[in-house]
PDB file of N, CA and C in Angstrom:
ATOM      1  N   MET A   1     -11.215 104.846  -0.127  1.00  0.00           N
ATOM      2  CA  MET A   1     -11.320 104.032  -1.643  1.00  0.00           C
ATOM      3  C   MET A   1     -12.366 103.673  -2.038  1.00  0.00           C
ATOM      4  N   GLU A   2     -13.417 104.429  -3.512  1.00  0.00           N
ATOM      5  CA  GLU A   2     -14.473 104.425  -3.709  1.00  0.00           C
ATOM      6  C   GLU A   2     -14.915 102.954  -4.223  1.00  0.00           C
ATOM      7  N   ILE A   3     -15.634 102.111  -4.142  1.00  0.00           N
ATOM      8  CA  ILE A   3     -15.822 100.901  -4.924  1.00  0.00           C
ATOM      9  C   ILE A   3     -17.443 101.799  -6.182  1.00  0.00           C
ATOM     10  N   MET A   4     -17.384 101.810  -7.828  1.00  0.00           N
ATOM     11  CA  MET A   4     -18.607 101.658  -7.928  1.00  0.00           C
ATOM     12  C   MET A   4     -18.429 100.661  -9.023  1.00  0.00           C
ATOM     13  N   VAL A   5     -20.156 100.105  -8.673  1.00  0.00           N
ATOM     14  CA  VAL A   5     -20.254  98.824  -9.651  1.00  0.00           C
ATOM     15  C   VAL A   5     -20.858  99.755 -10.960  1.00  0.00           C
ATOM     16  N   ASN A   6     -20.356  99.421 -11.881  1.00  0.00           N
ATOM     17  CA  ASN A   6     -20.840  99.507 -13.075  1.00  0.00           C
ATOM     18  C   ASN A   6     -23.037  99.033 -13.588  1.00  0.00           C
ATOM     19  N   THR A   7     -23.388  99.424 -13.508  1.00  0.00           N
ATOM     20  CA  THR A   7     -25.183  98.725 -13.748  1.00  0.00           C
ATOM     21  C   THR A   7     -25.523  99.223 -14.814  1.00  0.00           C
ATOM     22  N   GLY A   8     -25.142 100.440 -15.882  1.00  0.00           N
ATOM     23  CA  GLY A   8     -25.947 100.583 -16.503  1.00  0.00           C
ATOM     24  C   GLY A   8     -25.088 101.897 -17.354  1.00  0.00           C
ATOM     25  N   PRO A   9     -25.480 101.832 -18.544  1.00  0.00           N
ATOM     26  CA  PRO A   9     -25.704 103.533 -19.090  1.00  0.00           C
ATOM     27  C   PRO A   9     -25.827 105.043 -18.604  1.00  0.00           C
ATOM     28  N   HIS A  10     -26.501 104.813 -17.583  1.00  0.00           N
ATOM     29  CA  HIS A  10     -26.423 106.139 -16.483  1.00  0.00           C
ATOM     30  C   HIS A  10     -25.388 106.534 -16.393  1.00  0.00           C
ATOM     31  N   LEU A  11     -24.460 105.361 -15.376  1.00  0.00           N
ATOM     32  CA  LEU A  11     -23.429 104.914 -14.616  1.00  0.00           C
ATOM     33  C   LEU A  11     -22.113 105.803 -15.786  1.00  0.00           C
ATOM     34  N   ARG A  12     -22.193 104.914 -17.114  1.00  0.00           N
ATOM     35  CA  ARG A  12     -21.052 105.392 -17.914  1.00  0.00           C
ATOM     36  C   ARG A  12     -20.947 106.529 -18.495  1.00  0.00           C
ATOM     37  N   CYS A  13     -22.431 107.031 -18.451  1.00  0.00           N
ATOM     38  CA  CYS A  13     -22.948 108.926 -19.308  1.00  0.00           C
ATOM     39  C   CYS A  13     -22.970 109.674 -18.052  1.00  0.00           C
ATOM     40  N   ASP A  14     -23.298 109.443 -17.067  1.00  0.00           N
ATOM     41  CA  ASP A  14     -22.531 110.349 -16.044  1.00  0.00           C
ATOM     42  C   ASP A  14     -20.882 110.290 -15.644  1.00  0.00           C
ATOM     43  N   PHE A  15     -19.946 109.151 -15.556  1.00  0.00           N
ATOM     44  CA  PHE A  15     -18.413 109.483 -15.359  1.00  0.00           C
ATOM     45  C   PHE A  15     -17.889 110.393 -16.850  1.00  0.00           C
ATOM     46  N   ARG A  16     -18.169 110.030 -18.014  1.00  0.00           N
ATOM     47  CA  ARG A  16     -17.596 110.112 -19.016  1.00  0.00           C
ATOM     48  C   ARG A  16     -17.892 111.224 -18.833  1.00  0.00           C
ATOM     49  N   ARG A  17     -19.292 112.305 -18.696  1.00  0.00           N
ATOM     50  CA  ARG A  17     -19.153 114.165 -18.389  1.00  0.00           C
ATOM     51  C   ARG A  17     -19.197 114.496 -17.250  1.00  0.00           C
ATOM     52  N   ASP A  18     -18.013 113.408 -16.187  1.00  0.00           N
ATOM     53  CA  ASP A  18     -17.597 113.916 -14.717  1.00  0.00           C
ATOM     54  C   ASP A  18     -18.635 114.721 -13.983  1.00  0.00           C
ATOM     55  N   LYS A  19     -19.650 114.128 -14.162  1.00  0.00           N
ATOM     56  CA  LYS A  19     -19.881 114.836 -12.794  1.00  0.00           C
ATOM     57  C   LYS A  19     -20.242 114.455 -11.655  1.00  0.00           C
ATOM     58  N   THR A  20     -19.797 113.880 -10.845  1.00  0.00           N
ATOM     59  CA  THR A  20     -18.116 113.353  -9.574  1.00  0.00           C
ATOM     60  C   THR A  20     -20.474 113.650  -8.835  1.00  0.00           C
ATOM     61  N   SER A  21     -21.117 115.285  -8.838  1.00  0.00           N
ATOM     62  CA  SER A  21     -22.111 115.088  -7.516  1.00  0.00           C
ATOM     63  C   SER A  21     -23.027 113.805  -7.884  1.00  0.00           C
ATOM     64  N   THR A  22     -23.486 113.422  -9.163  1.00  0.00           N
ATOM     65  CA  THR A  22     -24.358 112.851  -9.414  1.00  0.00           C
ATOM     66  C   THR A  22     -23.893 111.295  -8.867  1.00  0.00           C
ATOM     67  N   LEU A  23     -22.208 111.029  -9.064  1.00  0.00           N
ATOM     68  CA  LEU A  23     -21.500 109.587  -8.872  1.00  0.00           C
ATOM     69  C   LEU A  23     -21.500 109.440  -7.781  1.00  0.00           C
ATOM     70  N   THR A  24     -21.268 110.569  -6.980  1.00  0.00           N
ATOM     71  CA  THR A  24     -21.348 110.570  -5.322  1.00  0.00           C
ATOM     72  C   THR A  24     -22.567 110.363  -5.052  1.00  0.00           C
ATOM     73  N   SER A  25     -23.621 110.250  -5.217  1.00  0.00           N
ATOM     74  CA  SER A  25     -24.866 109.807  -4.645  1.00  0.00           C
ATOM     75  C   SER A  25     -25.707 108.745  -5.120  1.00  0.00           C
ATOM     76  N   LEU A  26     -25.152 108.692  -6.461  1.00  0.00           N
ATOM     77  CA  LEU A  26     -25.348 107.133  -7.142  1.00  0.00           C
ATOM     78  C   LEU A  26     -24.421 106.066  -5.740  1.00  0.00           C
ATOM     79  N   ILE A  27     -23.694 106.162  -5.681  1.00  0.00           N
ATOM     80  CA  ILE A  27     -22.610 105.355  -4.919  1.00  0.00           C
ATOM     81  C   ILE A  27     -23.524 104.903  -3.708  1.00  0.00           C
ATOM     82  N   ALA A  28     -23.615 106.011  -2.858  1.00  0.00           N
ATOM     83  CA  ALA A  28     -24.283 105.909  -2.066  1.00  0.00           C
ATOM     84  C   ALA A  28     -25.768 105.478  -1.890  1.00  0.00           C
ATOM     85  N   ARG A  29     -26.717 105.656  -2.909  1.00  0.00           N
ATOM     86  CA  ARG A  29     -27.165 105.032  -2.497  1.00  0.00           C
ATOM     87  C   ARG A  29     -27.584 103.612  -3.100  1.00  0.00           C
ATOM     88  N   ARG A  30     -26.329 103.503  -3.820  1.00  0.00           N
ATOM     89  CA  ARG A  30     -26.013 101.367  -4.704  1.00  0.00           C
ATOM     90  C   ARG A  30     -25.406 100.762  -3.112  1.00  0.00           C
ATOM     91  N   ARG A  31     -25.698 101.028  -2.347  1.00  0.00           N
ATOM     92  CA  ARG A  31     -25.058 100.098  -1.090  1.00  0.00           C
ATOM     93  C   ARG A  31     -24.644  98.545  -1.201  1.00  0.00           C
ATOM     94  N   LEU A  32     -26.271  98.394  -1.479  1.00  0.00           N
ATOM     95  CA  LEU A  32     -26.926  97.120  -2.141  1.00  0.00           C
ATOM     96  C   LEU A  32     -25.696  96.391  -2.971  1.00  0.00           C
ATOM     97  N   LEU A  33     -25.427  97.335  -3.253  1.00  0.00           N
ATOM     98  CA  LEU A  33     -25.140  96.182  -4.884  1.00  0.00           C
ATOM     99  C   LEU A  33     -23.344  96.412  -5.257  1.00  0.00           C
ATOM    100  N   ARG A  34     -22.942  96.217  -3.536  1.00  0.00           N
ATOM    101  CA  ARG A  34     -21.277  96.664  -3.789  1.00  0.00           C
ATOM    102  C   ARG A  34     -21.024  97.546  -3.994  1.00  0.00           C
ATOM    103  N   ASN A  35     -20.961  99.120  -3.976  1.00  0.00           N
ATOM    104  CA  ASN A  35     -20.721  99.946  -4.332  1.00  0.00           C
ATOM    105  C   ASN A  35     -20.614 100.457  -2.832  1.00  0.00           C
ATOM    106  N   ALA A  36     -18.908 101.505  -2.553  1.00  0.00           N
ATOM    107  CA  ALA A  36     -18.987 101.867  -1.580  1.00  0.00           C
ATOM    108  C   ALA A  36     -18.745 103.149  -1.727  1.00  0.00           C
ATOM    109  N   ASP A  37     -18.450 103.627  -0.823  1.00  0.00           N
ATOM    110  CA  ASP A  37     -18.199 105.348  -1.107  1.00  0.00           C
ATOM    111  C   ASP A  37     -17.016 105.842  -0.117  1.00  0.00           C
ATOM    112  N   LEU A  38     -16.379 107.141  -0.222  1.00  0.00           N
ATOM    113  CA  LEU A  38     -14.778 106.773   1.297  1.00  0.00           C
ATOM    114  C   LEU A  38     -15.062 107.272   2.443  1.00  0.00           C
ATOM    115  N   ASP A  39     -16.167 107.711   2.842  1.00  0.00           N
ATOM    116  CA  ASP A  39     -16.784 107.772   4.321  1.00  0.00           C
ATOM    117  C   ASP A  39     -17.080 106.427   5.101  1.00  0.00           C
ATOM    118  N   GLN A  40     -17.940 105.572   3.813  1.00  0.00           N
ATOM    119  CA  GLN A  40     -18.142 104.515   4.356  1.00  0.00           C
ATOM    120  C   GLN A  40     -17.011 103.439   3.931  1.00  0.00           C
ATOM    121  N   HIS A  41     -15.872 103.569   3.801  1.00  0.00           N
ATOM    122  CA  HIS A  41     -14.604 102.880   4.192  1.00  0.00           C
ATOM    123  C   HIS A  41     -13.754 103.241   5.341  1.00  0.00           C
ATOM    124  N   LEU A  42     -14.088 104.241   5.558  1.00  0.00           N
ATOM    125  CA  LEU A  42     -13.271 104.958   6.272  1.00  0.00           C
ATOM    126  C   LEU A  42     -14.014 104.341   7.363  1.00  0.00           C
ATOM    127  N   VAL A  43     -15.201 104.055   7.957  1.00  0.00           N
ATOM    128  CA  VAL A  43     -16.097 103.980   8.563  1.00  0.00           C
ATOM    129  C   VAL A  43     -15.266 102.091   9.261  1.00  0.00           C
ATOM    130  N   GLY A  44     -14.892 101.649   8.231  1.00  0.00           N
ATOM    131  CA  GLY A  44     -14.136 100.449   8.296  1.00  0.00           C
ATOM    132  C   GLY A  44     -12.753 100.507   8.840  1.00  0.00           C
ATOM    133  N   LEU A  45     -12.335 100.842   8.082  1.00  0.00           N
ATOM    134  CA  LEU A  45     -11.030 101.418   8.598  1.00  0.00           C
ATOM    135  C   LEU A  45     -11.053 101.936  10.607  1.00  0.00           C
ATOM    136  N   ILE A  46     -12.092 102.566  10.692  1.00  0.00           N
ATOM    137  CA  ILE A  46     -11.790 103.369  12.280  1.00  0.00           C
ATOM    138  C   ILE A  46     -11.612 101.749  13.294  1.00  0.00           C
ATOM    139  N   ARG A  47     -13.171 101.346  13.024  1.00  0.00           N
ATOM    140  CA  ARG A  47     -13.830 100.011  13.626  1.00  0.00           C
ATOM    141  C   ARG A  47     -12.601  99.414  13.396  1.00  0.00           C
ATOM    142  N   ASP A  48     -11.780  98.837  12.378  1.00  0.00           N
ATOM    143  CA  ASP A  48     -10.719  98.050  12.545  1.00  0.00           C
ATOM    144  C   ASP A  48      -8.993  98.522  12.755  1.00  0.00           C
ATOM    145  N   GLY A  49      -8.748  99.399  13.601  1.00  0.00           N
ATOM    146  CA  GLY A  49      -8.297 100.747  14.143  1.00  0.00           C
ATOM    147  C   GLY A  49      -6.832 100.559  13.175  1.00  0.00           C
ATOM    148  N   VAL A  50      -7.401 100.588  12.041  1.00  0.00           N
ATOM    149  CA  VAL A  50      -6.205 101.239  11.304  1.00  0.00           C
ATOM    150  C   VAL A  50      -5.613 102.289  11.352  1.00  0.00           C
ATOM    151  N   ILE A  51      -7.180 103.678  11.693  1.00  0.00           N
ATOM    152  CA  ILE A  51      -7.049 105.562  11.561  1.00  0.00           C
ATOM    153  C   ILE A  51      -7.534 105.633  12.554  1.00  0.00           C
ATOM    154  N   THR A  52      -6.920 106.762  12.787  1.00  0.00           N
ATOM    155  CA  THR A  52      -8.066 107.104  14.127  1.00  0.00           C
ATOM    156  C   THR A  52      -9.090 108.292  13.525  1.00  0.00           C
ATOM    157  N   MET A  53      -9.718 108.672  14.127  1.00  0.00           N
ATOM    158  CA  MET A  53     -10.269 109.753  14.395  1.00  0.00           C
ATOM    159  C   MET A  53     -10.443 111.112  13.170  1.00  0.00           C
ATOM    160  N   ASP A  54      -9.096 111.430  13.620  1.00  0.00           N
ATOM    161  CA  ASP A  54      -8.722 112.694  13.813  1.00  0.00           C
ATOM    162  C   ASP A  54      -8.498 112.596  12.159  1.00  0.00           C
ATOM    163  N   ALA A  55      -7.466 111.341  11.275  1.00  0.00           N
ATOM    164  CA  ALA A  55      -7.178 111.035  10.228  1.00  0.00           C
ATOM    165  C   ALA A  55      -8.252 110.966   9.191  1.00  0.00           C
ATOM    166  N   ALA A  56      -9.397 110.152   9.859  1.00  0.00           N
ATOM    167  CA  ALA A  56     -10.506 110.030   8.935  1.00  0.00           C
ATOM    168  C   ALA A  56     -11.065 111.358   8.873  1.00  0.00           C
ATOM    169  N   MET A  57     -12.055 111.956  10.240  1.00  0.00           N
ATOM    170  CA  MET A  57     -12.252 113.351   9.415  1.00  0.00           C
ATOM    171  C   MET A  57     -11.508 114.333   8.462  1.00  0.00           C
ATOM    172  N   ALA A  58     -10.675 114.143   8.424  1.00  0.00           N
ATOM    173  CA  ALA A  58      -8.944 115.358   7.183  1.00  0.00           C
ATOM    174  C   ALA A  58      -9.803 114.401   6.454  1.00  0.00           C
ATOM    175  N   ALA A  59      -9.528 113.130   6.330  1.00  0.00           N
ATOM    176  CA  ALA A  59     -10.283 112.530   5.037  1.00  0.00           C
ATOM    177  C   ALA A  59     -11.505 112.421   4.147  1.00  0.00           C
ATOM    178  N   SER A  60     -12.403 113.181   5.242  1.00  0.00           N
ATOM    179  CA  SER A  60     -13.653 112.222   4.851  1.00  0.00           C
ATOM    180  C   SER A  60     -14.382 113.820   3.728  1.00  0.00           C
ATOM    181  N   THR A  61     -14.736 113.546   2.958  1.00  0.00           N
ATOM    182  CA  THR A  61     -16.341 114.219   2.125  1.00  0.00           C
ATOM    183  C   THR A  61     -17.111 114.977   2.527  1.00  0.00           C
ATOM    184  N   SER A  62     -17.333 114.242   3.694  1.00  0.00           N
ATOM    185  CA  SER A  62     -18.727 114.785   4.590  1.00  0.00           C
ATOM    186  C   SER A  62     -18.731 114.086   6.239  1.00  0.00           C
ATOM    187  N   PRO A  63     -17.319 115.201   7.274  1.00  0.00           N
ATOM    188  CA  PRO A  63     -17.488 114.919   8.241  1.00  0.00           C
ATOM    189  C   PRO A  63     -18.436 114.533   8.983  1.00  0.00           C
ATOM    190  N   HIS A  64     -19.472 115.344   8.804  1.00  0.00           N
ATOM    191  CA  HIS A  64     -21.073 115.295   9.664  1.00  0.00           C
ATOM    192  C   HIS A  64     -21.261 114.041   9.116  1.00  0.00           C
ATOM    193  N   ASP A  65     -21.596 113.582   8.471  1.00  0.00           N
ATOM    194  CA  ASP A  65     -22.381 112.394   8.024  1.00  0.00           C
ATOM    195  C   ASP A  65     -21.266 110.915   8.430  1.00  0.00           C
ATOM    196  N   LEU A  66     -20.620 110.526   8.323  1.00  0.00           N
ATOM    197  CA  LEU A  66     -19.153 109.994   8.832  1.00  0.00           C
ATOM    198  C   LEU A  66     -19.233 110.175  10.264  1.00  0.00           C
ATOM    199  N   THR A  67     -19.479 110.869  11.186  1.00  0.00           N
ATOM    200  CA  THR A  67     -19.640 110.762  12.551  1.00  0.00           C
ATOM    201  C   THR A  67     -20.971 110.018  13.172  1.00  0.00           C
ATOM    202  N   VAL A  68     -22.533 110.662  12.363  1.00  0.00           N
ATOM    203  CA  VAL A  68     -23.262 110.351  12.231  1.00  0.00           C
ATOM    204  C   VAL A  68     -23.507 108.802  11.887  1.00  0.00           C
ATOM    205  N   GLU A  69     -22.547 108.245  11.175  1.00  0.00           N
ATOM    206  CA  GLU A  69     -22.446 107.053  11.317  1.00  0.00           C
ATOM    207  C   GLU A  69     -21.406 106.057  12.332  1.00  0.00           C
ATOM    208  N   LEU A  70     -20.754 106.415  12.655  1.00  0.00           N
ATOM    209  CA  LEU A  70     -19.739 106.161  13.442  1.00  0.00           C
ATOM    210  C   LEU A  70     -20.557 105.948  15.280  1.00  0.00           C
ATOM    211  N   ARG A  71     -21.243 106.744  15.663  1.00  0.00           N
ATOM    212  CA  ARG A  71     -22.251 107.078  16.188  1.00  0.00           C
ATOM    213  C   ARG A  71     -23.863 105.656  16.266  1.00  0.00           C
ATOM    214  N   ARG A  72     -24.286 105.989  15.001  1.00  0.00           N
ATOM    215  CA  ARG A  72     -24.747 104.709  14.531  1.00  0.00           C
ATOM    216  C   ARG A  72     -24.498 103.675  14.768  1.00  0.00           C
ATOM    217  N   LEU A  73     -23.396 103.429  15.248  1.00  0.00           N
ATOM    218  CA  LEU A  73     -22.899 102.437  15.296  1.00  0.00           C
ATOM    219  C   LEU A  73     -22.367 101.932  16.635  1.00  0.00           C
ATOM    220  N   GLY A  74     -21.882 102.981  17.693  1.00  0.00           N
ATOM    221  CA  GLY A  74     -21.542 102.938  18.624  1.00  0.00           C
ATOM    222  C   GLY A  74     -19.894 102.946  18.339  1.00  0.00           C
ATOM    223  N   LEU A  75     -19.654 103.881  17.208  1.00  0.00           N
ATOM    224  CA  LEU A  75     -17.836 103.602  17.551  1.00  0.00           C
ATOM    225  C   LEU A  75     -16.933 104.527  18.088  1.00  0.00           C
ATOM    226  N   VAL A  76     -17.914 105.726  18.434  1.00  0.00           N
ATOM    227  CA  VAL A  76     -17.501 107.364  19.385  1.00  0.00           C
ATOM    228  C   VAL A  76     -19.047 107.102  20.154  1.00  0.00           C
ATOM    229  N   ALA A  77     -18.935 108.548  20.784  1.00  0.00           N
ATOM    230  CA  ALA A  77     -20.111 108.764  22.058  1.00  0.00           C
ATOM    231  C   ALA A  77     -20.564 110.052  20.974  1.00  0.00           C
TER     232      ALA A  77
END
């Protein structure tokens, strides 16, 4: 799941133009506005024991970044 809070005309315009790479980076940069990208959601699911690491890696948009974040949180070695 990804969550994007509409914070103004730039997001609406990018969404209408289907600039998904722009949207993904905007979601990731605006975490303080309650946006959440798929990998952040996967971290929570792993932390809560809902999914396995293998399932998360298969679904991840960036397995490397997901691994780095899991290591940072002490969820994997």
